[in-house]
Amino acid sequence: MAGPLAASFAGVQTCHSVHLCPVCMGKVLAVRAANVQAAADGLAAAGYVLALGTNTLRHYGRMPYGTLRDGQRGGLVAVLHDAWKGAYGSAGRPWRRLRDGYGIVGYERAFEDTWGSESGWHLHWHVLWVLEVPADVTGEERQQLLDGFRRAVAATWREAVLGAGGHEVSTKCDRPNCPCGGEGHGTDVRFIGADEEGETARYLYKDGDKGTAGIGLELTRSDFKDGRRWGRMSPLQLGDLAAQELLERGEPGPLVEKYRERERGVYKVRKHYRSQSLNKLIRMLEIEQDGRSDAEIAADEGDGLKAVAVIPARTWYRHIAYHPGRRLALLRATESLGEAGVRTLIESWDLVWDRDVLPAPPEDGTDTEVPAEPVDQAAVLVPAQASVELTEAEAAAAEFRRRRRAIAEARPGEVEAAMTRIRAAR
């Protein structure tokens, strides 16, 4: 299938994994980000107070990721979840005190994890808090209420982490001009103004490229975010380095083991969660939301796409799916030249057009003739690109591909540099 900016496969099975699959992750998080941004805009317009928060754990390189599996529960991921339940679980007394004392309407929570060669696994929550502050509470009184909420969230989290078996979270900081104000980094709560609601989605679901303005584009591109420094990396960056290590060594090494540890640890972890009370409020305010499940979103093939070719199952499994690089090559050929690019590429693999790969059926249902003679390769690749005047959309697509190629060409050097630094740190 081909659209104005990119090509994709349709009719294939999806895994809808928001933790491990870059394709499904991008689709699902783009929708979730759009939902939370629309909710934040609507809630702020209705007069509710919004705050963005982070809840973290003290962690060291020796600490395991852990798991939530029955009978094996333990590690950092179990502490993170148990601490949240102890601090903000709806049945707990600490939560009732916070809710009643500060007018908490509800929250939306997103899970995030990174790994560093020195600091180990860093698991944390990003949270959107929604408060209802009475209109007659203004000025200094209002500020005192909000400051009290921030301190209460931190104190509740600190006690809950200890109760869940974790190390005491950071409560002090001596870094000059640090945003924490010297109160440590166990929690962070920042209230946002009426002109900042649009940053909510970027904050909660920031697995995408931070430099892209559009939230949907940010979360669906393959150039996912970098770590804050070379010593810490996102899960997909860890996967890149693990694959590189496997190629270099010919056998699993420490990076592969770390990736597998996370792969096992994210089982049963909910990437995103919205409290029932907040869902009820959003429905009452009639804020439009996309209510599809992760599986439905991942399986969505999108609108505005046109079929370019049909690949029978026998060809897909024998000649494409299990041959490294061929799926990506097909997408690039489709983006560049459409059907002509696909035909030229599959013929270079000694496949036969109109037998191993079929032309797409016409949209009006009528039959079309396929040329009996194979298309000359040079005639497709060179003149087709040089002689056609590009539209604005095609020019944007070409620029997007150029930038993506530049990123892809730079990646091996970045990976090698990161591998060198990791080896040197051992």
Protein backbone atom coordinates (compact mmCIF):
# COMPACT_ATOMS: atom_id res chain seq x y z
CA MET A 1 0.00 0.00 0.00
CA ALA A 2 1.26 3.49 -0.80
CA GLY A 3 0.21 6.89 0.56
CA PRO A 4 1.41 10.46 -0.04
CA LEU A 5 4.41 10.15 2.31
CA ALA A 6 5.18 6.47 2.84
CA ALA A 7 4.41 2.87 1.93
CA SER A 8 3.28 0.03 4.17
CA PHE A 9 2.21 -3.59 4.06
CA ALA A 10 -1.47 -4.47 4.36
CA GLY A 11 -3.08 -7.81 5.08
CA VAL A 12 -0.31 -9.01 7.40
CA GLN A 13 -0.67 -10.01 11.02
CA THR A 14 0.22 -7.45 13.70
CA CYS A 15 1.52 -8.10 17.21
CA HIS A 16 0.14 -4.84 18.77
CA SER A 17 3.07 -4.80 21.21
CA VAL A 18 3.62 -1.28 22.53
CA HIS A 19 6.82 -2.31 24.31
CA LEU A 20 8.77 -4.30 21.72
CA CYS A 21 7.53 -3.65 18.17
CA PRO A 22 8.58 -0.32 16.58
CA VAL A 23 5.76 -0.49 14.01
CA CYS A 24 2.89 -1.27 16.37
CA MET A 25 4.37 0.99 19.05
CA GLY A 26 4.31 3.94 16.68
CA LYS A 27 0.71 3.34 15.62
CA VAL A 28 -0.66 2.82 19.14
CA LEU A 29 1.25 5.64 20.83
CA ALA A 30 0.26 8.08 18.09
CA VAL A 31 -3.42 7.46 18.89
CA ARG A 32 -2.88 7.52 22.66
CA ALA A 33 -0.93 10.76 22.37
CA ALA A 34 -3.70 12.36 20.31
CA ASN A 35 -6.23 11.22 22.90
CA VAL A 36 -4.39 12.68 25.87
CA GLN A 37 -3.65 15.92 24.06
CA ALA A 38 -7.32 16.38 23.15
CA ALA A 39 -8.28 15.54 26.74
CA ALA A 40 -5.77 18.00 28.18
CA ASP A 41 -6.95 20.80 25.89
CA GLY A 42 -10.59 20.14 26.76
CA LEU A 43 -9.98 19.86 30.51
CA ALA A 44 -7.95 23.06 30.61
CA ALA A 45 -10.67 24.88 28.67
CA ALA A 46 -13.20 23.63 31.23
CA GLY A 47 -11.21 25.19 34.07
CA TYR A 48 -9.44 22.16 35.53
CA VAL A 49 -5.86 22.39 36.79
CA LEU A 50 -3.36 20.11 35.01
CA ALA A 51 -0.01 18.95 36.34
CA LEU A 52 2.63 16.76 34.74
CA GLY A 53 4.52 14.46 37.07
CA THR A 54 7.25 11.82 37.14
CA ASN A 55 7.64 9.06 39.74
CA THR A 56 10.97 7.25 39.80
CA LEU A 57 12.93 4.70 41.83
CA ARG A 58 16.49 4.77 43.12
CA HIS A 59 18.34 2.25 40.95
CA TYR A 60 21.79 0.73 40.54
CA GLY A 61 23.45 -1.28 37.81
CA ARG A 62 23.20 -4.53 39.76
CA MET A 63 19.41 -4.36 40.16
CA PRO A 64 17.36 -6.66 37.90
CA TYR A 65 14.49 -5.52 35.71
CA GLY A 66 12.26 -8.15 37.28
CA THR A 67 8.84 -9.39 36.23
CA LEU A 68 5.14 -9.26 37.10
CA ARG A 69 4.59 -12.93 36.28
CA ASP A 70 2.61 -14.92 38.81
CA GLY A 71 4.86 -16.77 41.23
CA GLN A 72 7.97 -14.91 40.01
CA ARG A 73 7.07 -11.32 40.84
CA GLY A 74 10.08 -9.23 41.80
CA GLY A 75 12.69 -6.72 40.68
CA LEU A 76 12.35 -3.04 39.81
CA VAL A 77 9.21 -3.42 37.71
CA ALA A 78 7.39 -5.09 40.61
CA VAL A 79 8.51 -2.38 43.04
CA LEU A 80 7.34 0.32 40.64
CA HIS A 81 3.87 -1.20 40.30
CA ASP A 82 3.48 -2.09 43.97
CA ALA A 83 4.56 1.41 45.00
CA TRP A 84 1.98 2.98 42.70
CA LYS A 85 -0.74 0.77 44.11
CA GLY A 86 0.32 1.60 47.66
CA ALA A 87 0.51 5.33 47.01
CA TYR A 88 -2.35 6.02 44.61
CA GLY A 89 -4.43 2.85 44.50
CA SER A 90 -8.12 3.76 44.67
CA ALA A 91 -8.75 1.49 47.67
CA GLY A 92 -5.91 2.89 49.78
CA ARG A 93 -6.06 5.50 52.51
CA PRO A 94 -3.13 7.55 51.11
CA TRP A 95 -5.01 8.00 47.85
CA ARG A 96 -8.22 9.05 49.57
CA ARG A 97 -6.31 11.67 51.56
CA LEU A 98 -4.76 13.10 48.41
CA ARG A 99 -8.00 13.00 46.44
CA ASP A 100 -10.11 14.67 49.11
CA GLY A 101 -7.45 17.11 50.28
CA TYR A 102 -6.48 18.51 46.89
CA GLY A 103 -9.48 17.90 44.65
CA ILE A 104 -7.92 15.26 42.41
CA VAL A 105 -10.36 14.30 39.68
CA GLY A 106 -8.19 11.58 38.14
CA TYR A 107 -4.98 10.86 36.30
CA GLU A 108 -3.45 9.33 33.18
CA ARG A 109 -0.28 7.32 33.58
CA ALA A 110 2.35 6.11 31.09
CA PHE A 111 5.20 3.66 31.68
CA GLU A 112 8.73 4.33 30.46
CA ASP A 113 12.07 2.59 30.87
CA THR A 114 15.67 3.18 29.80
CA TRP A 115 18.96 1.39 30.39
CA GLY A 116 22.46 2.66 31.10
CA SER A 117 25.73 0.78 31.21
CA GLU A 118 26.56 2.34 34.59
CA SER A 119 23.19 3.09 36.21
CA GLY A 120 21.30 0.03 34.99
CA TRP A 121 17.53 -0.01 34.46
CA HIS A 122 15.64 3.23 35.02
CA LEU A 123 11.91 2.54 35.30
CA HIS A 124 9.45 5.35 35.96
CA TRP A 125 5.94 6.69 35.50
CA HIS A 126 4.89 9.82 33.65
CA VAL A 127 1.60 11.15 34.99
CA LEU A 128 -1.00 13.72 34.03
CA TRP A 129 -2.79 14.85 37.21
CA VAL A 130 -6.16 16.59 36.88
CA LEU A 131 -7.32 18.74 39.82
CA GLU A 132 -10.50 20.68 40.46
CA VAL A 133 -9.65 23.83 42.41
CA PRO A 134 -12.58 26.00 43.61
CA ALA A 135 -12.92 29.28 41.73
CA ASP A 136 -12.77 31.30 44.96
CA VAL A 137 -9.32 29.90 45.79
CA THR A 138 -6.99 32.39 44.16
CA GLY A 139 -3.66 34.14 44.58
CA GLU A 140 -1.42 33.03 47.42
CA GLU A 141 -3.99 30.59 48.76
CA ARG A 142 -4.14 28.81 45.42
CA GLN A 143 -0.35 28.66 45.19
CA GLN A 144 -0.14 27.19 48.69
CA LEU A 145 -2.67 24.53 47.71
CA LEU A 146 -0.69 23.56 44.62
CA ASP A 147 2.62 23.52 46.51
CA GLY A 148 1.00 21.36 49.16
CA PHE A 149 -0.19 18.94 46.49
CA ARG A 150 3.30 18.63 45.07
CA ARG A 151 4.80 17.89 48.50
CA ALA A 152 2.01 15.45 49.38
CA VAL A 153 2.50 13.49 46.13
CA ALA A 154 6.23 13.24 46.89
CA ALA A 155 5.75 12.15 50.50
CA THR A 156 3.14 9.55 49.57
CA TRP A 157 5.37 8.11 46.87
CA ARG A 158 8.40 8.02 49.16
CA GLU A 159 6.55 6.00 51.80
CA ALA A 160 4.98 3.67 49.25
CA VAL A 161 8.34 2.83 47.64
CA LEU A 162 9.77 1.81 51.01
CA GLY A 163 6.64 -0.23 51.67
CA ALA A 164 7.06 -2.01 48.34
CA GLY A 165 10.62 -3.03 49.18
CA GLY A 166 12.48 -0.37 47.19
CA HIS A 167 15.36 1.86 48.22
CA GLU A 168 14.56 5.26 49.70
CA VAL A 169 13.99 7.67 46.83
CA SER A 170 16.03 10.82 46.37
CA THR A 171 14.91 13.61 48.72
CA LYS A 172 17.80 16.07 48.41
CA CYS A 173 19.72 17.60 45.56
CA ASP A 174 22.71 19.96 45.58
CA ARG A 175 22.89 20.62 41.84
CA PRO A 176 22.93 24.35 41.10
CA ASN A 177 19.72 25.66 39.50
CA CYS A 178 18.16 22.19 39.41
CA PRO A 179 14.39 22.26 38.68
CA CYS A 180 13.76 20.05 41.72
CA GLY A 181 14.52 23.01 44.02
CA GLY A 182 16.75 20.83 46.18
CA GLU A 183 13.95 18.38 47.01
CA GLY A 184 15.39 15.42 45.08
CA HIS A 185 14.26 13.47 42.06
CA GLY A 186 11.99 10.76 43.46
CA THR A 187 9.02 12.73 42.15
CA ASP A 188 8.51 15.76 39.99
CA VAL A 189 5.26 17.70 39.61
CA ARG A 190 4.98 20.66 37.25
CA PHE A 191 1.78 22.58 36.71
CA ILE A 192 1.12 23.65 33.14
CA GLY A 193 -0.58 26.78 31.93
CA ALA A 194 -3.41 27.15 29.46
CA ASP A 195 -0.96 27.54 26.57
CA GLU A 196 0.95 24.35 27.34
CA GLU A 197 -1.64 21.58 27.17
CA GLY A 198 -0.33 20.54 23.79
CA GLU A 199 2.90 19.40 25.42
CA THR A 200 1.03 16.85 27.53
CA ALA A 201 1.02 14.15 24.87
CA ARG A 202 4.70 14.71 24.12
CA TYR A 203 5.50 14.35 27.84
CA LEU A 204 3.45 11.20 28.46
CA TYR A 205 4.22 9.39 25.23
CA LYS A 206 7.67 10.60 24.28
CA ASP A 207 8.97 7.41 22.68
CA GLY A 208 9.24 9.32 19.41
CA ASP A 209 11.53 11.89 17.87
CA LYS A 210 11.53 14.89 20.19
CA GLY A 211 12.34 17.24 17.35
CA THR A 212 9.11 16.69 15.38
CA ALA A 213 6.40 19.25 16.00
CA GLY A 214 3.39 17.02 15.21
CA ILE A 215 2.58 14.60 18.01
CA GLY A 216 1.36 11.89 15.64
CA LEU A 217 4.44 12.16 13.40
CA GLU A 218 6.67 12.31 16.46
CA LEU A 219 5.40 8.99 17.76
CA THR A 220 5.16 7.06 14.50
CA ARG A 221 8.61 7.72 13.03
CA SER A 222 11.32 5.09 13.23
CA ASP A 223 13.94 7.54 14.56
CA PHE A 224 12.93 7.15 18.18
CA LYS A 225 14.28 9.27 20.98
CA ASP A 226 17.85 9.17 22.17
CA GLY A 227 18.90 8.70 25.76
CA ARG A 228 19.71 11.77 27.80
CA ARG A 229 23.40 10.87 27.44
CA TRP A 230 25.38 8.06 25.86
CA GLY A 231 25.25 6.01 29.07
CA ARG A 232 21.45 5.71 28.93
CA MET A 233 19.42 4.55 25.97
CA SER A 234 15.86 3.82 24.98
CA PRO A 235 14.69 0.20 24.53
CA LEU A 236 14.92 0.43 20.75
CA GLN A 237 18.43 1.83 20.95
CA LEU A 238 19.36 -1.06 23.23
CA GLY A 239 17.91 -3.41 20.63
CA ASP A 240 20.05 -1.81 17.91
CA LEU A 241 23.22 -2.25 19.95
CA ALA A 242 22.27 -5.81 20.92
CA ALA A 243 21.81 -6.71 17.25
CA GLN A 244 25.15 -5.12 16.38
CA GLU A 245 26.82 -7.03 19.21
CA LEU A 246 25.31 -10.30 17.99
CA LEU A 247 26.62 -9.65 14.48
CA GLU A 248 30.11 -8.84 15.74
CA ARG A 249 30.43 -11.69 18.23
CA GLY A 250 28.39 -14.36 16.52
CA GLU A 251 26.84 -15.26 19.86
CA PRO A 252 24.75 -13.49 22.53
CA GLY A 253 26.68 -11.03 24.67
CA PRO A 254 25.82 -8.79 27.65
CA LEU A 255 23.72 -6.37 25.57
CA VAL A 256 21.67 -9.20 24.11
CA GLU A 257 21.11 -10.52 27.63
CA LYS A 258 19.94 -7.10 28.78
CA TYR A 259 17.52 -6.82 25.89
CA ARG A 260 16.15 -10.27 26.62
CA GLU A 261 15.81 -9.35 30.29
CA ARG A 262 13.61 -6.42 29.33
CA GLU A 263 11.70 -8.49 26.79
CA ARG A 264 10.72 -10.83 29.59
CA GLY A 265 10.15 -8.05 32.12
CA VAL A 266 7.57 -6.00 30.19
CA TYR A 267 5.11 -8.88 30.20
CA LYS A 268 1.83 -7.72 31.83
CA VAL A 269 3.07 -4.11 32.04
CA ARG A 270 0.44 -1.58 30.91
CA LYS A 271 2.06 1.11 28.82
CA HIS A 272 -0.80 3.54 29.47
CA TYR A 273 -3.65 3.72 31.94
CA ARG A 274 -6.38 6.27 32.60
CA SER A 275 -8.33 6.29 35.85
CA GLN A 276 -12.04 5.55 35.64
CA SER A 277 -12.93 8.86 37.26
CA LEU A 278 -11.01 10.78 34.58
CA ASN A 279 -12.63 8.73 31.83
CA LYS A 280 -16.04 9.58 33.27
CA LEU A 281 -15.23 13.30 33.33
CA ILE A 282 -13.96 13.26 29.74
CA ARG A 283 -17.16 11.61 28.57
CA MET A 284 -19.24 14.10 30.51
CA LEU A 285 -17.40 17.00 28.84
CA GLU A 286 -17.90 15.28 25.46
CA ILE A 287 -14.22 15.44 24.58
CA GLU A 288 -13.67 13.34 21.48
CA GLN A 289 -11.49 10.27 22.04
CA ASP A 290 -10.42 7.28 19.97
CA GLY A 291 -11.68 4.29 21.95
CA ARG A 292 -10.07 1.52 19.90
CA SER A 293 -7.98 -1.16 21.60
CA ASP A 294 -4.24 -1.53 20.96
CA ALA A 295 -4.92 -4.51 18.68
CA GLU A 296 -7.47 -2.57 16.62
CA ILE A 297 -5.13 0.39 16.24
CA ALA A 298 -2.17 -1.76 15.23
CA ALA A 299 -4.26 -3.61 12.65
CA ASP A 300 -5.57 -0.38 11.10
CA GLU A 301 -4.15 -0.04 7.61
CA GLY A 302 -5.05 3.64 7.40
CA ASP A 303 -6.96 5.73 4.91
CA GLY A 304 -5.79 7.27 1.66
CA LEU A 305 -3.62 4.27 0.70
CA LYS A 306 -3.61 2.72 -2.77
CA ALA A 307 -2.73 -0.91 -3.48
CA VAL A 308 0.44 -1.21 -5.56
CA ALA A 309 0.99 -4.98 -5.74
CA VAL A 310 -0.38 -8.22 -4.33
CA ILE A 311 2.10 -10.69 -2.83
CA PRO A 312 0.74 -14.26 -2.49
CA ALA A 313 1.50 -16.07 0.75
CA ARG A 314 3.87 -18.55 -0.89
CA THR A 315 6.00 -15.72 -2.28
CA TRP A 316 5.88 -13.74 0.96
CA TYR A 317 7.17 -16.57 3.14
CA ARG A 318 9.57 -18.19 0.67
CA HIS A 319 11.21 -15.14 -0.84
CA ILE A 320 10.57 -12.05 1.34
CA ALA A 321 9.62 -12.50 5.00
CA TYR A 322 12.67 -14.54 6.00
CA HIS A 323 15.24 -12.78 3.83
CA PRO A 324 16.88 -9.94 5.80
CA GLY A 325 16.40 -6.53 4.23
CA ARG A 326 13.86 -7.47 1.57
CA ARG A 327 10.80 -6.08 3.31
CA LEU A 328 12.51 -2.74 3.81
CA ALA A 329 13.73 -2.76 0.20
CA LEU A 330 10.17 -3.32 -1.00
CA LEU A 331 8.89 -0.36 0.99
CA ARG A 332 11.63 1.92 -0.30
CA ALA A 333 11.02 0.84 -3.89
CA THR A 334 7.30 1.49 -3.48
CA GLU A 335 7.87 4.93 -1.96
CA SER A 336 10.25 5.90 -4.76
CA LEU A 337 8.64 4.47 -7.90
CA GLY A 338 5.40 2.76 -6.97
CA GLU A 339 4.48 -0.31 -9.03
CA ALA A 340 7.40 0.11 -11.40
CA GLY A 341 9.84 0.05 -8.48
CA VAL A 342 8.23 -3.08 -7.02
CA ARG A 343 8.32 -4.87 -10.35
CA THR A 344 11.95 -4.03 -10.99
CA LEU A 345 12.96 -5.10 -7.50
CA ILE A 346 11.17 -8.44 -7.48
CA GLU A 347 12.57 -9.28 -10.90
CA SER A 348 16.06 -8.61 -9.52
CA TRP A 349 15.28 -11.40 -7.02
CA ASP A 350 14.61 -13.81 -9.93
CA LEU A 351 10.85 -13.65 -9.32
CA VAL A 352 8.31 -13.32 -12.12
CA TRP A 353 5.89 -10.41 -12.28
CA ASP A 354 2.26 -11.45 -12.67
CA ARG A 355 3.07 -14.91 -11.32
CA ASP A 356 5.06 -14.62 -8.08
CA VAL A 357 3.90 -11.05 -7.45
CA LEU A 358 0.67 -9.78 -8.97
CA PRO A 359 -0.35 -6.28 -10.06
CA ALA A 360 -2.91 -4.66 -7.79
CA PRO A 361 -6.51 -4.95 -8.95
CA PRO A 362 -7.87 -1.64 -10.32
CA GLU A 363 -9.96 0.39 -7.92
CA ASP A 364 -12.97 0.34 -10.27
CA GLY A 365 -12.93 -3.46 -10.46
CA THR A 366 -12.11 -3.69 -14.21
CA ASP A 367 -9.24 -5.71 -15.63
CA THR A 368 -6.07 -4.16 -16.96
CA GLU A 369 -3.46 -5.64 -19.25
CA VAL A 370 0.02 -6.26 -17.96
CA PRO A 371 2.84 -5.83 -20.49
CA ALA A 372 4.16 -9.20 -21.58
CA GLU A 373 7.74 -8.00 -21.86
CA PRO A 374 9.67 -7.23 -18.65
CA VAL A 375 10.33 -3.55 -17.98
CA ASP A 376 13.87 -2.42 -18.62
CA GLN A 377 15.51 -1.73 -15.28
CA ALA A 378 17.37 1.41 -16.25
CA ALA A 379 14.31 2.86 -17.96
CA VAL A 380 12.38 2.60 -14.71
CA LEU A 381 14.94 3.80 -12.22
CA VAL A 382 16.46 6.73 -14.06
CA PRO A 383 14.01 8.44 -16.45
CA ALA A 384 11.00 7.94 -14.19
CA GLN A 385 12.61 10.03 -11.49
CA ALA A 386 14.18 12.63 -13.74
CA SER A 387 11.34 13.44 -16.13
CA VAL A 388 8.35 13.85 -13.77
CA GLU A 389 7.76 17.23 -12.19
CA LEU A 390 7.11 16.72 -8.49
CA THR A 391 3.99 18.01 -6.78
CA GLU A 392 4.24 19.68 -3.38
CA ALA A 393 3.29 16.42 -1.62
CA GLU A 394 5.78 14.41 -3.70
CA ALA A 395 8.51 16.95 -2.95
CA ALA A 396 7.76 16.65 0.77
CA ALA A 397 7.91 12.87 0.45
CA ALA A 398 11.25 13.07 -1.36
CA GLU A 399 12.66 15.36 1.32
CA PHE A 400 11.43 13.00 4.03
CA ARG A 401 13.15 10.05 2.32
CA ARG A 402 16.36 12.05 1.89
CA ARG A 403 16.45 12.85 5.59
CA ARG A 404 15.65 9.28 6.52
CA ARG A 405 18.46 7.99 4.31
CA ALA A 406 20.84 10.45 5.96
CA ILE A 407 19.82 9.20 9.40
CA ALA A 408 20.21 5.58 8.27
CA GLU A 409 23.66 6.28 6.84
CA ALA A 410 24.78 7.98 10.06
CA ARG A 411 23.43 5.22 12.33
CA PRO A 412 26.31 2.69 11.87
CA GLY A 413 28.83 5.29 13.01
CA GLU A 414 26.70 6.21 16.01
CA VAL A 415 26.26 2.56 16.93
CA GLU A 416 29.98 1.89 16.62
CA ALA A 417 30.81 4.93 18.77
CA ALA A 418 28.34 3.80 21.44
CA MET A 419 29.78 0.26 21.38
CA THR A 420 33.28 1.67 21.81
CA ARG A 421 32.21 3.74 24.82
CA ILE A 422 30.45 0.76 26.42
CA ARG A 423 33.50 -1.45 25.93
CA ALA A 424 35.73 1.22 27.44
CA ALA A 425 33.48 1.55 30.48
CA ARG A 426 33.83 -2.12 31.39
